[in-house]
Amino acid sequence: MTTELVWFKSSYSSNDGPDCLEAAISTTSHPAIRIRDSKNKDGARLAFSDGAWSEFLRFTAEN
């Protein structure tokens, strides 16, 4: 079974700006938050575990 990721744009990204981030939530046997550059959809992607993503958000909220 192939599960296609459903990408959504960050609420902090604009349609006009050069800096756009897209995220997708993978619910496969290895759940993860996936991140990519919306201007380069075939480029590099990052994957974060739930715990790592939560820690990243906590860190950015404090700084």
PDB file of N, CA and C in Angstrom:
ATOM      1  N   MET A   1       0.844  -1.190   0.000  1.00  0.00           N
ATOM      2  CA  MET A   1       0.000   0.000   0.000  1.00  0.00           C
ATOM      3  C   MET A   1       0.879   1.240   0.000  1.00  0.00           C
ATOM      4  N   THR A   2       0.639   2.158  -0.907  1.00  0.00           N
ATOM      5  CA  THR A   2       1.385   3.405  -0.987  1.00  0.00           C
ATOM      6  C   THR A   2       0.534   4.529  -0.423  1.00  0.00           C
ATOM      7  N   THR A   3       1.118   5.265   0.496  1.00  0.00           N
ATOM      8  CA  THR A   3       0.423   6.407   1.088  1.00  0.00           C
ATOM      9  C   THR A   3       1.094   7.684   0.619  1.00  0.00           C
ATOM     10  N   GLU A   4       0.357   8.504  -0.099  1.00  0.00           N
ATOM     11  CA  GLU A   4       0.884   9.770  -0.580  1.00  0.00           C
ATOM     12  C   GLU A   4       0.790  10.805   0.545  1.00  0.00           C
ATOM     13  N   LEU A   5       1.853  11.579   0.704  1.00  0.00           N
ATOM     14  CA  LEU A   5       1.847  12.625   1.721  1.00  0.00           C
ATOM     15  C   LEU A   5       0.980  13.785   1.253  1.00  0.00           C
ATOM     16  N   VAL A   6       0.257  14.377   2.176  1.00  0.00           N
ATOM     17  CA  VAL A   6      -0.551  15.566   1.899  1.00  0.00           C
ATOM     18  C   VAL A   6       0.213  16.748   2.476  1.00  0.00           C
ATOM     19  N   TRP A   7       0.776  17.561   1.588  1.00  0.00           N
ATOM     20  CA  TRP A   7       1.600  18.700   1.998  1.00  0.00           C
ATOM     21  C   TRP A   7       0.729  19.924   2.223  1.00  0.00           C
ATOM     22  N   PHE A   8       1.075  20.714   3.230  1.00  0.00           N
ATOM     23  CA  PHE A   8       0.394  21.988   3.469  1.00  0.00           C
ATOM     24  C   PHE A   8       1.442  23.041   3.766  1.00  0.00           C
ATOM     25  N   LYS A   9       1.120  24.275   3.410  1.00  0.00           N
ATOM     26  CA  LYS A   9       2.063  25.375   3.578  1.00  0.00           C
ATOM     27  C   LYS A   9       1.989  25.922   5.001  1.00  0.00           C
ATOM     28  N   SER A  10       3.127  26.293   5.517  1.00  0.00           N
ATOM     29  CA  SER A  10       3.198  26.892   6.848  1.00  0.00           C
ATOM     30  C   SER A  10       2.358  28.163   6.894  1.00  0.00           C
ATOM     31  N   SER A  11       1.718  28.408   8.012  1.00  0.00           N
ATOM     32  CA  SER A  11       0.934  29.632   8.162  1.00  0.00           C
ATOM     33  C   SER A  11       1.830  30.866   8.187  1.00  0.00           C
ATOM     34  N   TYR A  12       3.138  30.687   8.375  1.00  0.00           N
ATOM     35  CA  TYR A  12       4.083  31.803   8.361  1.00  0.00           C
ATOM     36  C   TYR A  12       4.624  32.087   6.965  1.00  0.00           C
ATOM     37  N   SER A  13       4.291  31.272   5.991  1.00  0.00           N
ATOM     38  CA  SER A  13       4.744  31.474   4.619  1.00  0.00           C
ATOM     39  C   SER A  13       3.699  32.268   3.855  1.00  0.00           C
ATOM     40  N   SER A  14       4.186  33.135   2.980  1.00  0.00           N
ATOM     41  CA  SER A  14       3.255  33.893   2.137  1.00  0.00           C
ATOM     42  C   SER A  14       3.308  33.340   0.721  1.00  0.00           C
ATOM     43  N   ASN A  15       2.322  33.661  -0.063  1.00  0.00           N
ATOM     44  CA  ASN A  15       2.306  33.220  -1.456  1.00  0.00           C
ATOM     45  C   ASN A  15       3.260  34.039  -2.315  1.00  0.00           C
ATOM     46  N   ASP A  16       3.642  35.227  -1.838  1.00  0.00           N
ATOM     47  CA  ASP A  16       4.463  36.141  -2.626  1.00  0.00           C
ATOM     48  C   ASP A  16       5.950  36.060  -2.301  1.00  0.00           C
ATOM     49  N   GLY A  17       6.286  35.573  -1.121  1.00  0.00           N
ATOM     50  CA  GLY A  17       7.673  35.598  -0.683  1.00  0.00           C
ATOM     51  C   GLY A  17       8.491  34.425  -1.169  1.00  0.00           C
ATOM     52  N   PRO A  18       9.818  34.575  -1.099  1.00  0.00           N
ATOM     53  CA  PRO A  18      10.705  33.510  -1.559  1.00  0.00           C
ATOM     54  C   PRO A  18      10.868  32.376  -0.536  1.00  0.00           C
ATOM     55  N   ASP A  19      10.511  32.616   0.701  1.00  0.00           N
ATOM     56  CA  ASP A  19      10.726  31.631   1.760  1.00  0.00           C
ATOM     57  C   ASP A  19       9.433  30.925   2.114  1.00  0.00           C
ATOM     58  N   CYS A  20       9.237  29.741   1.575  1.00  0.00           N
ATOM     59  CA  CYS A  20       8.023  28.990   1.842  1.00  0.00           C
ATOM     60  C   CYS A  20       8.375  27.601   2.345  1.00  0.00           C
ATOM     61  N   LEU A  21       7.707  27.203   3.375  1.00  0.00           N
ATOM     62  CA  LEU A  21       7.913  25.904   3.987  1.00  0.00           C
ATOM     63  C   LEU A  21       6.629  25.108   3.873  1.00  0.00           C
ATOM     64  N   GLU A  22       6.743  23.833   3.525  1.00  0.00           N
ATOM     65  CA  GLU A  22       5.587  22.947   3.501  1.00  0.00           C
ATOM     66  C   GLU A  22       5.853  21.791   4.451  1.00  0.00           C
ATOM     67  N   ALA A  23       4.791  21.304   5.043  1.00  0.00           N
ATOM     68  CA  ALA A  23       4.899  20.185   5.983  1.00  0.00           C
ATOM     69  C   ALA A  23       3.878  19.123   5.618  1.00  0.00           C
ATOM     70  N   ALA A  24       4.172  17.907   6.015  1.00  0.00           N
ATOM     71  CA  ALA A  24       3.245  16.784   5.854  1.00  0.00           C
ATOM     72  C   ALA A  24       3.429  15.872   7.060  1.00  0.00           C
ATOM     73  N   ILE A  25       2.353  15.247   7.456  1.00  0.00           N
ATOM     74  CA  ILE A  25       2.399  14.326   8.585  1.00  0.00           C
ATOM     75  C   ILE A  25       2.309  12.912   8.043  1.00  0.00           C
ATOM     76  N   SER A  26       3.350  12.149   8.289  1.00  0.00           N
ATOM     77  CA  SER A  26       3.406  10.764   7.850  1.00  0.00           C
ATOM     78  C   SER A  26       2.858   9.880   8.959  1.00  0.00           C
ATOM     79  N   THR A  27       1.901   9.039   8.620  1.00  0.00           N
ATOM     80  CA  THR A  27       1.282   8.167   9.628  1.00  0.00           C
ATOM     81  C   THR A  27       1.571   6.704   9.343  1.00  0.00           C
ATOM     82  N   THR A  28       2.672   6.448   8.668  1.00  0.00           N
ATOM     83  CA  THR A  28       3.057   5.072   8.354  1.00  0.00           C
ATOM     84  C   THR A  28       3.583   4.381   9.607  1.00  0.00           C
ATOM     85  N   SER A  29       4.250   3.261   9.439  1.00  0.00           N
ATOM     86  CA  SER A  29       4.813   2.544  10.591  1.00  0.00           C
ATOM     87  C   SER A  29       5.909   3.355  11.283  1.00  0.00           C
ATOM     88  N   HIS A  30       6.439   4.382  10.596  1.00  0.00           N
ATOM     89  CA  HIS A  30       7.426   5.295  11.187  1.00  0.00           C
ATOM     90  C   HIS A  30       6.863   6.710  11.121  1.00  0.00           C
ATOM     91  N   PRO A  31       5.951   7.070  12.045  1.00  0.00           N
ATOM     92  CA  PRO A  31       5.331   8.395  11.991  1.00  0.00           C
ATOM     93  C   PRO A  31       6.377   9.505  12.076  1.00  0.00           C
ATOM     94  N   ALA A  32       6.172  10.562  11.315  1.00  0.00           N
ATOM     95  CA  ALA A  32       7.119  11.671  11.303  1.00  0.00           C
ATOM     96  C   ALA A  32       6.455  12.922  10.752  1.00  0.00           C
ATOM     97  N   ILE A  33       7.038  14.051  11.102  1.00  0.00           N
ATOM     98  CA  ILE A  33       6.684  15.330  10.502  1.00  0.00           C
ATOM     99  C   ILE A  33       7.693  15.543   9.385  1.00  0.00           C
ATOM    100  N   ARG A  34       7.218  15.723   8.170  1.00  0.00           N
ATOM    101  CA  ARG A  34       8.092  15.919   7.002  1.00  0.00           C
ATOM    102  C   ARG A  34       8.075  17.393   6.618  1.00  0.00           C
ATOM    103  N   ILE A  35       9.235  17.926   6.260  1.00  0.00           N
ATOM    104  CA  ILE A  35       9.383  19.337   5.903  1.00  0.00           C
ATOM    105  C   ILE A  35      10.100  19.425   4.560  1.00  0.00           C
ATOM    106  N   ARG A  36       9.649  20.362   3.696  1.00  0.00           N
ATOM    107  CA  ARG A  36      10.328  20.607   2.425  1.00  0.00           C
ATOM    108  C   ARG A  36      10.170  22.071   2.025  1.00  0.00           C
ATOM    109  N   ASP A  37      10.983  22.499   1.087  1.00  0.00           N
ATOM    110  CA  ASP A  37      10.919  23.838   0.506  1.00  0.00           C
ATOM    111  C   ASP A  37       9.879  23.807  -0.605  1.00  0.00           C
ATOM    112  N   SER A  38       8.865  24.646  -0.526  1.00  0.00           N
ATOM    113  CA  SER A  38       7.797  24.615  -1.530  1.00  0.00           C
ATOM    114  C   SER A  38       8.273  25.054  -2.910  1.00  0.00           C
ATOM    115  N   LYS A  39       9.382  25.770  -2.971  1.00  0.00           N
ATOM    116  CA  LYS A  39       9.916  26.210  -4.264  1.00  0.00           C
ATOM    117  C   LYS A  39      10.771  25.122  -4.922  1.00  0.00           C
ATOM    118  N   ASN A  40      11.109  24.071  -4.167  1.00  0.00           N
ATOM    119  CA  ASN A  40      11.936  22.977  -4.683  1.00  0.00           C
ATOM    120  C   ASN A  40      11.356  21.663  -4.161  1.00  0.00           C
ATOM    121  N   LYS A  41      10.199  21.299  -4.651  1.00  0.00           N
ATOM    122  CA  LYS A  41       9.452  20.150  -4.130  1.00  0.00           C
ATOM    123  C   LYS A  41      10.178  18.818  -4.298  1.00  0.00           C
ATOM    124  N   ASP A  42      11.098  18.731  -5.236  1.00  0.00           N
ATOM    125  CA  ASP A  42      11.855  17.495  -5.434  1.00  0.00           C
ATOM    126  C   ASP A  42      13.201  17.530  -4.714  1.00  0.00           C
ATOM    127  N   GLY A  43      13.468  18.614  -4.004  1.00  0.00           N
ATOM    128  CA  GLY A  43      14.745  18.765  -3.305  1.00  0.00           C
ATOM    129  C   GLY A  43      14.764  18.015  -1.977  1.00  0.00           C
ATOM    130  N   ALA A  44      15.712  18.387  -1.161  1.00  0.00           N
ATOM    131  CA  ALA A  44      15.907  17.742   0.138  1.00  0.00           C
ATOM    132  C   ALA A  44      14.677  17.896   1.028  1.00  0.00           C
ATOM    133  N   ARG A  45      14.455  16.881   1.849  1.00  0.00           N
ATOM    134  CA  ARG A  45      13.352  16.894   2.815  1.00  0.00           C
ATOM    135  C   ARG A  45      13.907  16.493   4.175  1.00  0.00           C
ATOM    136  N   LEU A  46      13.300  17.019   5.188  1.00  0.00           N
ATOM    137  CA  LEU A  46      13.663  16.657   6.554  1.00  0.00           C
ATOM    138  C   LEU A  46      12.529  15.851   7.164  1.00  0.00           C
ATOM    139  N   ALA A  47      12.865  14.971   8.081  1.00  0.00           N
ATOM    140  CA  ALA A  47      11.856  14.185   8.800  1.00  0.00           C
ATOM    141  C   ALA A  47      12.175  14.259  10.291  1.00  0.00           C
ATOM    142  N   PHE A  48      11.171  14.569  11.090  1.00  0.00           N
ATOM    143  CA  PHE A  48      11.315  14.685  12.537  1.00  0.00           C
ATOM    144  C   PHE A  48      10.364  13.726  13.226  1.00  0.00           C
ATOM    145  N   SER A  49      10.833  13.071  14.265  1.00  0.00           N
ATOM    146  CA  SER A  49       9.927  12.274  15.095  1.00  0.00           C
ATOM    147  C   SER A  49       9.013  13.233  15.843  1.00  0.00           C
ATOM    148  N   ASP A  50       7.925  12.717  16.400  1.00  0.00           N
ATOM    149  CA  ASP A  50       7.008  13.573  17.167  1.00  0.00           C
ATOM    150  C   ASP A  50       7.744  14.293  18.292  1.00  0.00           C
ATOM    151  N   GLY A  51       8.585  13.561  19.014  1.00  0.00           N
ATOM    152  CA  GLY A  51       9.318  14.148  20.140  1.00  0.00           C
ATOM    153  C   GLY A  51      10.300  15.222  19.702  1.00  0.00           C
ATOM    154  N   ALA A  52      11.027  14.963  18.626  1.00  0.00           N
ATOM    155  CA  ALA A  52      11.991  15.950  18.121  1.00  0.00           C
ATOM    156  C   ALA A  52      11.274  17.200  17.621  1.00  0.00           C
ATOM    157  N   TRP A  53      10.146  17.025  16.945  1.00  0.00           N
ATOM    158  CA  TRP A  53       9.386  18.175  16.442  1.00  0.00           C
ATOM    159  C   TRP A  53       8.846  19.003  17.609  1.00  0.00           C
ATOM    160  N   SER A  54       8.325  18.351  18.624  1.00  0.00           N
ATOM    161  CA  SER A  54       7.816  19.065  19.803  1.00  0.00           C
ATOM    162  C   SER A  54       8.925  19.851  20.477  1.00  0.00           C
ATOM    163  N   GLU A  55      10.106  19.250  20.593  1.00  0.00           N
ATOM    164  CA  GLU A  55      11.247  19.941  21.200  1.00  0.00           C
ATOM    165  C   GLU A  55      11.677  21.133  20.351  1.00  0.00           C
ATOM    166  N   PHE A  56      11.682  20.985  19.027  1.00  0.00           N
ATOM    167  CA  PHE A  56      12.018  22.088  18.130  1.00  0.00           C
ATOM    168  C   PHE A  56      11.028  23.233  18.303  1.00  0.00           C
ATOM    169  N   LEU A  57       9.735  22.933  18.332  1.00  0.00           N
ATOM    170  CA  LEU A  57       8.733  23.992  18.510  1.00  0.00           C
ATOM    171  C   LEU A  57       8.872  24.681  19.866  1.00  0.00           C
ATOM    172  N   ARG A  58       9.147  23.903  20.897  1.00  0.00           N
ATOM    173  CA  ARG A  58       9.350  24.482  22.228  1.00  0.00           C
ATOM    174  C   ARG A  58      10.558  25.433  22.208  1.00  0.00           C
ATOM    175  N   PHE A  59      11.636  25.003  21.574  1.00  0.00           N
ATOM    176  CA  PHE A  59      12.842  25.820  21.482  1.00  0.00           C
ATOM    177  C   PHE A  59      12.572  27.131  20.727  1.00  0.00           C
ATOM    178  N   THR A  60      11.894  27.059  19.579  1.00  0.00           N
ATOM    179  CA  THR A  60      11.640  28.260  18.797  1.00  0.00           C
ATOM    180  C   THR A  60      10.685  29.214  19.511  1.00  0.00           C
ATOM    181  N   ALA A  61       9.768  28.694  20.294  1.00  0.00           N
ATOM    182  CA  ALA A  61       8.838  29.557  21.031  1.00  0.00           C
ATOM    183  C   ALA A  61       9.555  30.335  22.130  1.00  0.00           C
ATOM    184  N   GLU A  62      10.631  29.760  22.658  1.00  0.00           N
ATOM    185  CA  GLU A  62      11.375  30.404  23.740  1.00  0.00           C
ATOM    186  C   GLU A  62      12.378  31.434  23.212  1.00  0.00           C
ATOM    187  N   ASN A  63      12.709  31.386  21.929  1.00  0.00           N
ATOM    188  CA  ASN A  63      13.767  32.263  21.394  1.00  0.00           C
ATOM    189  C   ASN A  63      13.260  33.215  20.391  1.00  0.00           C
TER     190      ASN A  63
END
